[in-house]
PDB file of all heavy atoms in Angstrom:
ATOM      1  N   TYR A   1     -69.686  43.489-144.817  1.00  0.00           N
ATOM      2  CA  TYR A   1     -68.780  42.717-143.902  1.00  0.00           C
ATOM      3  C   TYR A   1     -69.186  41.383-143.486  1.00  0.00           C
ATOM      4  O   TYR A   1     -70.409  41.220-143.207  1.00  0.00           O
ATOM      5  CB  TYR A   1     -68.460  43.673-142.685  1.00  0.00           C
ATOM      6  CG  TYR A   1     -67.888  45.033-143.173  1.00  0.00           C
ATOM      7  CD1 TYR A   1     -68.724  46.179-142.980  1.00  0.00           C
ATOM      8  CD2 TYR A   1     -66.669  45.120-143.719  1.00  0.00           C
ATOM      9  CE1 TYR A   1     -68.245  47.447-143.469  1.00  0.00           C
ATOM     10  CE2 TYR A   1     -66.119  46.379-144.042  1.00  0.00           C
ATOM     11  CZ  TYR A   1     -66.975  47.492-143.941  1.00  0.00           C
ATOM     12  OH  TYR A   1     -66.469  48.687-144.470  1.00  0.00           O
ATOM     13  N   ALA A   2     -68.272  40.560-143.369  1.00  0.00           N
ATOM     14  CA  ALA A   2     -68.508  39.165-142.916  1.00  0.00           C
ATOM     15  C   ALA A   2     -68.905  39.100-141.517  1.00  0.00           C
ATOM     16  O   ALA A   2     -68.426  39.880-140.647  1.00  0.00           O
ATOM     17  CB  ALA A   2     -67.306  38.354-143.199  1.00  0.00           C
ATOM     18  N   MET A   3     -69.795  38.244-141.153  1.00  0.00           N
ATOM     19  CA  MET A   3     -70.101  37.989-139.801  1.00  0.00           C
ATOM     20  C   MET A   3     -69.823  36.477-139.365  1.00  0.00           C
ATOM     21  O   MET A   3     -69.856  35.673-140.250  1.00  0.00           O
ATOM     22  CB  MET A   3     -71.613  38.129-139.560  1.00  0.00           C
ATOM     23  CG  MET A   3     -72.106  39.678-140.026  1.00  0.00           C
ATOM     24  SD  MET A   3     -71.481  40.827-138.810  1.00  0.00           S
ATOM     25  CE  MET A   3     -72.421  40.392-137.252  1.00  0.00           C
ATOM     26  N   GLY A   4     -69.641  36.295-138.136  1.00  0.00           N
ATOM     27  CA  GLY A   4     -69.275  34.904-137.685  1.00  0.00           C
ATOM     28  C   GLY A   4     -70.043  34.642-136.390  1.00  0.00           C
ATOM     29  O   GLY A   4     -70.475  35.540-135.555  1.00  0.00           O
ATOM     30  N   TRP A   5     -70.079  33.332-136.116  1.00  0.00           N
ATOM     31  CA  TRP A   5     -70.572  32.877-134.768  1.00  0.00           C
ATOM     32  C   TRP A   5     -69.438  31.950-134.198  1.00  0.00           C
ATOM     33  O   TRP A   5     -68.871  31.042-134.770  1.00  0.00           O
ATOM     34  CB  TRP A   5     -71.894  32.042-134.949  1.00  0.00           C
ATOM     35  CG  TRP A   5     -73.066  32.860-135.146  1.00  0.00           C
ATOM     36  CD1 TRP A   5     -73.605  33.104-136.377  1.00  0.00           C
ATOM     37  CD2 TRP A   5     -73.792  33.555-134.314  1.00  0.00           C
ATOM     38  NE1 TRP A   5     -74.672  33.954-136.257  1.00  0.00           N
ATOM     39  CE2 TRP A   5     -74.872  34.150-134.986  1.00  0.00           C
ATOM     40  CE3 TRP A   5     -73.774  33.684-132.823  1.00  0.00           C
ATOM     41  CZ2 TRP A   5     -75.946  34.958-134.390  1.00  0.00           C
ATOM     42  CZ3 TRP A   5     -74.912  34.411-132.272  1.00  0.00           C
ATOM     43  CH2 TRP A   5     -75.954  35.104-132.910  1.00  0.00           C
ATOM     44  N   PHE A   6     -69.171  32.165-132.939  1.00  0.00           N
ATOM     45  CA  PHE A   6     -68.250  31.380-132.148  1.00  0.00           C
ATOM     46  C   PHE A   6     -68.945  30.985-130.927  1.00  0.00           C
ATOM     47  O   PHE A   6     -69.950  31.493-130.395  1.00  0.00           O
ATOM     48  CB  PHE A   6     -67.001  32.106-131.784  1.00  0.00           C
ATOM     49  CG  PHE A   6     -66.106  32.494-132.972  1.00  0.00           C
ATOM     50  CD1 PHE A   6     -66.570  33.460-133.830  1.00  0.00           C
ATOM     51  CD2 PHE A   6     -64.968  31.768-133.185  1.00  0.00           C
ATOM     52  CE1 PHE A   6     -65.734  33.787-134.957  1.00  0.00           C
ATOM     53  CE2 PHE A   6     -64.158  32.106-134.204  1.00  0.00           C
ATOM     54  CZ  PHE A   6     -64.542  33.084-135.164  1.00  0.00           C
ATOM     55  N   ARG A   7     -68.353  29.901-130.253  1.00  0.00           N
ATOM     56  CA  ARG A   7     -68.972  29.547-128.882  1.00  0.00           C
ATOM     57  C   ARG A   7     -67.847  29.132-127.963  1.00  0.00           C
ATOM     58  O   ARG A   7     -66.679  28.763-128.447  1.00  0.00           O
ATOM     59  CB  ARG A   7     -69.859  28.287-129.151  1.00  0.00           C
ATOM     60  CG  ARG A   7     -69.228  27.047-129.645  1.00  0.00           C
ATOM     61  CD  ARG A   7     -70.233  26.000-129.962  1.00  0.00           C
ATOM     62  NE  ARG A   7     -69.713  24.764-130.387  1.00  0.00           N
ATOM     63  CZ  ARG A   7     -70.333  23.706-130.843  1.00  0.00           C
ATOM     64  NH1 ARG A   7     -71.730  23.784-130.864  1.00  0.00           N
ATOM     65  NH2 ARG A   7     -69.830  22.593-131.177  1.00  0.00           N
ATOM     66  N   GLN A   8     -68.101  29.213-126.729  1.00  0.00           N
ATOM     67  CA  GLN A   8     -67.162  28.857-125.721  1.00  0.00           C
ATOM     68  C   GLN A   8     -67.814  28.167-124.607  1.00  0.00           C
ATOM     69  O   GLN A   8     -68.658  28.867-123.928  1.00  0.00           O
ATOM     70  CB  GLN A   8     -66.374  30.166-125.154  1.00  0.00           C
ATOM     71  CG  GLN A   8     -65.284  29.820-124.255  1.00  0.00           C
ATOM     72  CD  GLN A   8     -64.425  31.090-124.011  1.00  0.00           C
ATOM     73  OE1 GLN A   8     -64.812  32.175-124.089  1.00  0.00           O
ATOM     74  NE2 GLN A   8     -63.251  30.891-123.524  1.00  0.00           N
ATOM     75  N   ALA A   9     -67.506  26.851-124.414  1.00  0.00           N
ATOM     76  CA  ALA A   9     -68.057  26.162-123.221  1.00  0.00           C
ATOM     77  C   ALA A   9     -67.251  26.476-122.037  1.00  0.00           C
ATOM     78  O   ALA A   9     -66.057  26.925-122.091  1.00  0.00           O
ATOM     79  CB  ALA A   9     -68.023  24.718-123.574  1.00  0.00           C
ATOM     80  N   SER A  10     -67.892  26.164-120.965  1.00  0.00           N
ATOM     81  CA  SER A  10     -67.227  26.459-119.652  1.00  0.00           C
ATOM     82  C   SER A  10     -65.875  25.726-119.464  1.00  0.00           C
ATOM     83  O   SER A  10     -65.886  24.496-119.729  1.00  0.00           O
ATOM     84  CB  SER A  10     -68.104  26.087-118.460  1.00  0.00           C
ATOM     85  OG  SER A  10     -67.528  26.312-117.207  1.00  0.00           O
ATOM     86  N   GLY A  11     -64.845  26.449-119.194  1.00  0.00           N
ATOM     87  CA  GLY A  11     -63.517  25.854-119.042  1.00  0.00           C
ATOM     88  C   GLY A  11     -62.851  25.523-120.363  1.00  0.00           C
ATOM     89  O   GLY A  11     -61.708  24.933-120.335  1.00  0.00           O
ATOM     90  N   LYS A  12     -63.382  25.829-121.574  1.00  0.00           N
ATOM     91  CA  LYS A  12     -62.802  25.455-122.743  1.00  0.00           C
ATOM     92  C   LYS A  12     -62.429  26.746-123.564  1.00  0.00           C
ATOM     93  O   LYS A  12     -62.968  27.844-123.259  1.00  0.00           O
ATOM     94  CB  LYS A  12     -63.645  24.667-123.635  1.00  0.00           C
ATOM     95  CG  LYS A  12     -63.928  23.317-122.919  1.00  0.00           C
ATOM     96  CD  LYS A  12     -64.858  22.370-123.777  1.00  0.00           C
ATOM     97  CE  LYS A  12     -65.168  21.012-123.158  1.00  0.00           C
ATOM     98  NZ  LYS A  12     -66.002  20.187-123.958  1.00  0.00           N
ATOM     99  N   GLU A  13     -61.711  26.644-124.575  1.00  0.00           N
ATOM    100  CA  GLU A  13     -61.347  27.831-125.450  1.00  0.00           C
ATOM    101  C   GLU A  13     -62.474  28.050-126.432  1.00  0.00           C
ATOM    102  O   GLU A  13     -63.316  27.172-126.740  1.00  0.00           O
ATOM    103  CB  GLU A  13     -60.063  27.524-126.312  1.00  0.00           C
ATOM    104  CG  GLU A  13     -58.845  27.332-125.349  1.00  0.00           C
ATOM    105  CD  GLU A  13     -57.577  27.249-126.120  1.00  0.00           C
ATOM    106  OE1 GLU A  13     -57.716  26.960-127.390  1.00  0.00           O
ATOM    107  OE2 GLU A  13     -56.444  27.262-125.467  1.00  0.00           O
ATOM    108  N   ARG A  14     -62.568  29.303-126.839  1.00  0.00           N
ATOM    109  CA  ARG A  14     -63.503  29.659-127.794  1.00  0.00           C
ATOM    110  C   ARG A  14     -63.276  29.020-129.153  1.00  0.00           C
ATOM    111  O   ARG A  14     -62.066  28.913-129.645  1.00  0.00           O
ATOM    112  CB  ARG A  14     -63.460  31.227-128.044  1.00  0.00           C
ATOM    113  CG  ARG A  14     -64.577  31.764-128.890  1.00  0.00           C
ATOM    114  CD  ARG A  14     -64.635  33.299-128.796  1.00  0.00           C
ATOM    115  NE  ARG A  14     -64.897  33.779-127.550  1.00  0.00           N
ATOM    116  CZ  ARG A  14     -65.082  35.014-127.068  1.00  0.00           C
ATOM    117  NH1 ARG A  14     -65.045  35.976-128.119  1.00  0.00           N
ATOM    118  NH2 ARG A  14     -65.223  35.332-125.936  1.00  0.00           N
ATOM    119  N   GLU A  15     -64.347  28.529-129.734  1.00  0.00           N
ATOM    120  CA  GLU A  15     -64.180  27.855-131.131  1.00  0.00           C
ATOM    121  C   GLU A  15     -65.148  28.326-132.101  1.00  0.00           C
ATOM    122  O   GLU A  15     -66.257  28.954-131.800  1.00  0.00           O
ATOM    123  CB  GLU A  15     -64.498  26.327-130.921  1.00  0.00           C
ATOM    124  CG  GLU A  15     -65.992  25.961-130.526  1.00  0.00           C
ATOM    125  CD  GLU A  15     -66.111  24.535-130.568  1.00  0.00           C
ATOM    126  OE1 GLU A  15     -65.386  23.675-131.126  1.00  0.00           O
ATOM    127  OE2 GLU A  15     -67.210  24.061-129.899  1.00  0.00           O
ATOM    128  N   PHE A  16     -64.675  28.217-133.363  1.00  0.00           N
ATOM    129  CA  PHE A  16     -65.488  28.661-134.492  1.00  0.00           C
ATOM    130  C   PHE A  16     -66.657  27.873-134.762  1.00  0.00           C
ATOM    131  O   PHE A  16     -66.641  26.541-134.575  1.00  0.00           O
ATOM    132  CB  PHE A  16     -64.546  28.766-135.774  1.00  0.00           C
ATOM    133  CG  PHE A  16     -65.337  28.870-137.075  1.00  0.00           C
ATOM    134  CD1 PHE A  16     -65.702  30.194-137.345  1.00  0.00           C
ATOM    135  CD2 PHE A  16     -65.597  27.938-137.862  1.00  0.00           C
ATOM    136  CE1 PHE A  16     -66.405  30.448-138.606  1.00  0.00           C
ATOM    137  CE2 PHE A  16     -66.295  28.054-139.015  1.00  0.00           C
ATOM    138  CZ  PHE A  16     -66.648  29.320-139.473  1.00  0.00           C
ATOM    139  N   VAL A  17     -67.778  28.489-135.052  1.00  0.00           N
ATOM    140  CA  VAL A  17     -68.971  27.720-135.482  1.00  0.00           C
ATOM    141  C   VAL A  17     -69.401  27.920-136.900  1.00  0.00           C
ATOM    142  O   VAL A  17     -69.687  26.960-137.570  1.00  0.00           O
ATOM    143  CB  VAL A  17     -70.081  28.265-134.520  1.00  0.00           C
ATOM    144  CG1 VAL A  17     -71.492  27.538-134.872  1.00  0.00           C
ATOM    145  CG2 VAL A  17     -69.814  27.849-133.115  1.00  0.00           C
ATOM    146  N   ALA A  18     -69.535  29.195-137.304  1.00  0.00           N
ATOM    147  CA  ALA A  18     -70.074  29.532-138.580  1.00  0.00           C
ATOM    148  C   ALA A  18     -69.639  30.835-139.046  1.00  0.00           C
ATOM    149  O   ALA A  18     -69.423  31.793-138.202  1.00  0.00           O
ATOM    150  CB  ALA A  18     -71.530  29.272-138.623  1.00  0.00           C
ATOM    151  N   ALA A  19     -69.633  31.151-140.304  1.00  0.00           N
ATOM    152  CA  ALA A  19     -69.347  32.541-140.889  1.00  0.00           C
ATOM    153  C   ALA A  19     -70.118  32.611-142.113  1.00  0.00           C
ATOM    154  O   ALA A  19     -70.551  31.732-142.804  1.00  0.00           O
ATOM    155  CB  ALA A  19     -67.837  32.704-141.098  1.00  0.00           C
ATOM    156  N   ILE A  20     -70.483  33.899-142.442  1.00  0.00           N
ATOM    157  CA  ILE A  20     -71.109  34.284-143.592  1.00  0.00           C
ATOM    158  C   ILE A  20     -70.570  35.480-144.301  1.00  0.00           C
ATOM    159  O   ILE A  20     -70.198  36.472-143.495  1.00  0.00           O
ATOM    160  CB  ILE A  20     -72.668  34.384-143.376  1.00  0.00           C
ATOM    161  CG1 ILE A  20     -73.365  34.700-144.644  1.00  0.00           C
ATOM    162  CG2 ILE A  20     -72.914  35.555-142.352  1.00  0.00           C
ATOM    163  CD1 ILE A  20     -75.009  34.493-144.466  1.00  0.00           C
ATOM    164  N   SER A  21     -70.436  35.667-145.593  1.00  0.00           N
ATOM    165  CA  SER A  21     -69.903  36.804-146.138  1.00  0.00           C
ATOM    166  C   SER A  21     -70.814  37.958-146.101  1.00  0.00           C
ATOM    167  O   SER A  21     -72.028  37.806-145.781  1.00  0.00           O
ATOM    168  CB  SER A  21     -69.571  36.446-147.636  1.00  0.00           C
ATOM    169  OG  SER A  21     -70.661  35.932-148.335  1.00  0.00           O
ATOM    170  N   GLY A  22     -70.441  38.995-146.571  1.00  0.00           N
ATOM    171  CA  GLY A  22     -71.140  40.303-146.365  1.00  0.00           C
ATOM    172  C   GLY A  22     -72.398  40.259-147.219  1.00  0.00           C
ATOM    173  O   GLY A  22     -73.499  40.633-146.818  1.00  0.00           O
ATOM    174  N   SER A  23     -72.349  39.618-148.374  1.00  0.00           N
ATOM    175  CA  SER A  23     -73.572  39.587-149.252  1.00  0.00           C
ATOM    176  C   SER A  23     -74.499  38.325-148.810  1.00  0.00           C
ATOM    177  O   SER A  23     -75.682  38.224-149.199  1.00  0.00           O
ATOM    178  CB  SER A  23     -73.184  39.325-150.681  1.00  0.00           C
ATOM    179  OG  SER A  23     -72.520  38.038-150.910  1.00  0.00           O
ATOM    180  N   GLY A  24     -73.870  37.408-147.945  1.00  0.00           N
ATOM    181  CA  GLY A  24     -74.680  36.187-147.648  1.00  0.00           C
ATOM    182  C   GLY A  24     -74.491  35.086-148.753  1.00  0.00           C
ATOM    183  O   GLY A  24     -74.997  34.012-148.397  1.00  0.00           O
ATOM    184  N   GLY A  25     -73.609  35.299-149.746  1.00  0.00           N
ATOM    185  CA  GLY A  25     -73.479  34.309-150.754  1.00  0.00           C
ATOM    186  C   GLY A  25     -72.570  33.149-150.331  1.00  0.00           C
ATOM    187  O   GLY A  25     -72.520  32.095-151.191  1.00  0.00           O
ATOM    188  N   ASN A  26     -71.749  33.363-149.376  1.00  0.00           N
ATOM    189  CA  ASN A  26     -70.679  32.377-149.094  1.00  0.00           C
ATOM    190  C   ASN A  26     -70.802  32.173-147.648  1.00  0.00           C
ATOM    191  O   ASN A  26     -70.763  32.996-146.770  1.00  0.00           O
ATOM    192  CB  ASN A  26     -69.354  32.936-149.409  1.00  0.00           C
ATOM    193  CG  ASN A  26     -68.260  31.947-149.221  1.00  0.00           C
ATOM    194  OD1 ASN A  26     -68.486  30.630-149.162  1.00  0.00           O
ATOM    195  ND2 ASN A  26     -67.014  32.354-149.161  1.00  0.00           N
ATOM    196  N   THR A  27     -70.955  30.884-147.180  1.00  0.00           N
ATOM    197  CA  THR A  27     -70.991  30.441-145.829  1.00  0.00           C
ATOM    198  C   THR A  27     -70.010  29.286-145.484  1.00  0.00           C
ATOM    199  O   THR A  27     -69.626  28.656-146.406  1.00  0.00           O
ATOM    200  CB  THR A  27     -72.455  30.018-145.413  1.00  0.00           C
ATOM    201  OG1 THR A  27     -72.777  28.720-146.193  1.00  0.00           O
ATOM    202  CG2 THR A  27     -73.506  31.126-145.682  1.00  0.00           C
ATOM    203  N   TYR A  28     -69.707  29.294-144.292  1.00  0.00           N
ATOM    204  CA  TYR A  28     -68.677  28.191-143.868  1.00  0.00           C
ATOM    205  C   TYR A  28     -69.128  27.766-142.514  1.00  0.00           C
ATOM    206  O   TYR A  28     -69.256  28.616-141.596  1.00  0.00           O
ATOM    207  CB  TYR A  28     -67.271  28.879-143.912  1.00  0.00           C
ATOM    208  CG  TYR A  28     -66.115  27.910-143.384  1.00  0.00           C
ATOM    209  CD1 TYR A  28     -65.994  26.686-143.967  1.00  0.00           C
ATOM    210  CD2 TYR A  28     -65.244  28.325-142.384  1.00  0.00           C
ATOM    211  CE1 TYR A  28     -64.981  25.802-143.534  1.00  0.00           C
ATOM    212  CE2 TYR A  28     -64.163  27.486-141.983  1.00  0.00           C
ATOM    213  CZ  TYR A  28     -64.117  26.359-142.622  1.00  0.00           C
ATOM    214  OH  TYR A  28     -63.087  25.411-142.186  1.00  0.00           O
TER     215      TYR A  28
END
């Protein structure tokens, strides 16, 4: 399964940071 990282600054909406496929072979 793919995993992702998101972040949310105070007072702001959550935003995408990075993602990686289950195998680790594909990142974004």
